Amino acid sequence: MKRCSNCHRPALFSLVGIISTLGVSKRLQKSSPAILFCDACLQELCQRICSDAFSEAVNSAYTELNQRLRERVAASNAQQKSVWDDGASE
């Protein structure tokens, strides 16, 4: 299991930064290594980001991914319950 880079709890998300040059032909771009975060530490990071635009962008992506993760877990739990219920009736 991968661990949060901040608190060492189980990680749920990774954050990768991409930095690009602007205003030059043949744009230069570099991405950072992935940094792992648990839900609580990523929420804290979103609250501490200084730039409003960057904070909104990261928070929006986090919110969407968190919602998708919750939906996936709920669907998986419903599927497991269905298999369990079908097996119990046999």
C-alpha atoms as a PDB file:
ATOM      1  CA  MET A   1       0.000   0.000   0.000  1.00  0.00           C
ATOM      2  CA  LYS A   2       1.307   3.433  -0.899  1.00  0.00           C
ATOM      3  CA  ARG A   3       1.534   6.029   1.866  1.00  0.00           C
ATOM      4  CA  CYS A   4       0.809   9.753   2.064  1.00  0.00           C
ATOM      5  CA  SER A   5       3.990  11.795   1.660  1.00  0.00           C
ATOM      6  CA  ASN A   6       2.899  14.048   4.525  1.00  0.00           C
ATOM      7  CA  CYS A   7       1.418  11.854   7.279  1.00  0.00           C
ATOM      8  CA  HIS A   8       2.096   8.270   6.073  1.00  0.00           C
ATOM      9  CA  ARG A   9      -1.559   7.217   6.178  1.00  0.00           C
ATOM     10  CA  PRO A  10      -2.765   5.238   3.137  1.00  0.00           C
ATOM     11  CA  ALA A  11      -2.612   7.469   0.042  1.00  0.00           C
ATOM     12  CA  LEU A  12      -5.694   7.979  -2.112  1.00  0.00           C
ATOM     13  CA  PHE A  13      -4.425  10.619  -4.542  1.00  0.00           C
ATOM     14  CA  SER A  14      -1.239  11.656  -6.298  1.00  0.00           C
ATOM     15  CA  LEU A  15      -0.418  15.170  -7.390  1.00  0.00           C
ATOM     16  CA  VAL A  16       1.876  15.890 -10.342  1.00  0.00           C
ATOM     17  CA  GLY A  17       2.918  19.401 -11.263  1.00  0.00           C
ATOM     18  CA  ILE A  18       3.472  20.397 -14.891  1.00  0.00           C
ATOM     19  CA  ILE A  19       5.385  23.578 -15.611  1.00  0.00           C
ATOM     20  CA  SER A  20       5.390  24.993 -19.145  1.00  0.00           C
ATOM     21  CA  THR A  21       6.973  28.000 -20.762  1.00  0.00           C
ATOM     22  CA  LEU A  22       4.675  30.499 -22.462  1.00  0.00           C
ATOM     23  CA  GLY A  23       5.287  32.880 -25.334  1.00  0.00           C
ATOM     24  CA  VAL A  24       8.074  30.893 -26.941  1.00  0.00           C
ATOM     25  CA  SER A  25       7.863  28.700 -29.981  1.00  0.00           C
ATOM     26  CA  LYS A  26       8.518  25.078 -29.212  1.00  0.00           C
ATOM     27  CA  ARG A  27       7.160  25.208 -25.663  1.00  0.00           C
ATOM     28  CA  LEU A  28       9.266  23.635 -22.950  1.00  0.00           C
ATOM     29  CA  GLN A  29       7.449  21.494 -20.416  1.00  0.00           C
ATOM     30  CA  LYS A  30       8.475  19.437 -17.415  1.00  0.00           C
ATOM     31  CA  SER A  31       6.434  17.412 -14.937  1.00  0.00           C
ATOM     32  CA  SER A  32       7.339  16.682 -11.353  1.00  0.00           C
ATOM     33  CA  PRO A  33       7.401  13.242  -9.800  1.00  0.00           C
ATOM     34  CA  ALA A  34       4.061  12.198  -8.289  1.00  0.00           C
ATOM     35  CA  ILE A  35       3.546  13.197  -4.669  1.00  0.00           C
ATOM     36  CA  LEU A  36       1.128  10.983  -2.741  1.00  0.00           C
ATOM     37  CA  PHE A  37      -1.600  12.339  -0.447  1.00  0.00           C
ATOM     38  CA  CYS A  38      -4.327  10.962   1.774  1.00  0.00           C
ATOM     39  CA  ASP A  39      -7.713  12.687   1.595  1.00  0.00           C
ATOM     40  CA  ALA A  40      -7.126  14.859   4.677  1.00  0.00           C
ATOM     41  CA  CYS A  41      -3.688  16.099   3.603  1.00  0.00           C
ATOM     42  CA  LEU A  42      -4.865  16.927   0.082  1.00  0.00           C
ATOM     43  CA  GLN A  43      -7.778  18.897   1.551  1.00  0.00           C
ATOM     44  CA  GLU A  44      -5.306  20.772   3.772  1.00  0.00           C
ATOM     45  CA  LEU A  45      -3.049  21.481   0.793  1.00  0.00           C
ATOM     46  CA  CYS A  46      -6.003  22.893  -1.177  1.00  0.00           C
ATOM     47  CA  GLN A  47      -6.778  25.270   1.693  1.00  0.00           C
ATOM     48  CA  ARG A  48      -3.168  26.461   1.969  1.00  0.00           C
ATOM     49  CA  ILE A  49      -2.446  27.210  -1.711  1.00  0.00           C
ATOM     50  CA  CYS A  50      -1.665  30.925  -2.013  1.00  0.00           C
ATOM     51  CA  SER A  51      -2.857  31.592  -5.569  1.00  0.00           C
ATOM     52  CA  ASP A  52      -6.644  31.803  -5.901  1.00  0.00           C
ATOM     53  CA  ALA A  53      -6.564  30.558  -9.512  1.00  0.00           C
ATOM     54  CA  PHE A  54      -4.268  27.635  -8.683  1.00  0.00           C
ATOM     55  CA  SER A  55      -6.261  26.813  -5.573  1.00  0.00           C
ATOM     56  CA  GLU A  56      -9.522  26.751  -7.547  1.00  0.00           C
ATOM     57  CA  ALA A  57      -7.996  24.554 -10.260  1.00  0.00           C
ATOM     58  CA  VAL A  58      -6.548  22.022  -7.794  1.00  0.00           C
ATOM     59  CA  ASN A  59      -9.679  22.046  -5.629  1.00  0.00           C
ATOM     60  CA  SER A  60     -11.929  21.509  -8.672  1.00  0.00           C
ATOM     61  CA  ALA A  61      -9.865  18.530  -9.853  1.00  0.00           C
ATOM     62  CA  TYR A  62      -9.737  17.105  -6.310  1.00  0.00           C
ATOM     63  CA  THR A  63     -13.509  17.487  -5.842  1.00  0.00           C
ATOM     64  CA  GLU A  64     -14.264  15.744  -9.140  1.00  0.00           C
ATOM     65  CA  LEU A  65     -11.855  12.889  -8.485  1.00  0.00           C
ATOM     66  CA  ASN A  66     -13.115  12.442  -4.929  1.00  0.00           C
ATOM     67  CA  GLN A  67     -16.707  12.237  -6.198  1.00  0.00           C
ATOM     68  CA  ARG A  68     -15.720   9.665  -8.840  1.00  0.00           C
ATOM     69  CA  LEU A  69     -13.853   7.649  -6.198  1.00  0.00           C
ATOM     70  CA  ARG A  70     -16.900   7.660  -3.910  1.00  0.00           C
ATOM     71  CA  GLU A  71     -19.158   6.564  -6.800  1.00  0.00           C
ATOM     72  CA  ARG A  72     -16.754   3.764  -7.715  1.00  0.00           C
ATOM     73  CA  VAL A  73     -16.591   2.520  -4.113  1.00  0.00           C
ATOM     74  CA  ALA A  74     -20.389   2.675  -3.784  1.00  0.00           C
ATOM     75  CA  ALA A  75     -20.851   0.741  -7.056  1.00  0.00           C
ATOM     76  CA  SER A  76     -18.304  -1.856  -5.965  1.00  0.00           C
ATOM     77  CA  ASN A  77     -20.023  -2.236  -2.584  1.00  0.00           C
ATOM     78  CA  ALA A  78     -23.436  -2.574  -4.277  1.00  0.00           C
ATOM     79  CA  GLN A  79     -22.052  -5.197  -6.658  1.00  0.00           C
ATOM     80  CA  GLN A  80     -20.507  -7.174  -3.797  1.00  0.00           C
ATOM     81  CA  LYS A  81     -23.783  -6.984  -1.858  1.00  0.00           C
ATOM     82  CA  SER A  82     -25.678  -8.206  -4.930  1.00  0.00           C
ATOM     83  CA  VAL A  83     -23.322 -11.171  -5.339  1.00  0.00           C
ATOM     84  CA  TRP A  84     -23.641 -11.922  -1.619  1.00  0.00           C
ATOM     85  CA  ASP A  85     -27.458 -11.701  -1.732  1.00  0.00           C
ATOM     86  CA  ASP A  86     -27.622 -13.924  -4.848  1.00  0.00           C
ATOM     87  CA  GLY A  87     -25.360 -16.511  -3.202  1.00  0.00           C
ATOM     88  CA  ALA A  88     -27.387 -16.501   0.013  1.00  0.00           C
ATOM     89  CA  SER A  89     -30.622 -17.322  -1.818  1.00  0.00           C
ATOM     90  CA  GLU A  90     -29.246 -20.494  -3.389  1.00  0.00           C
END
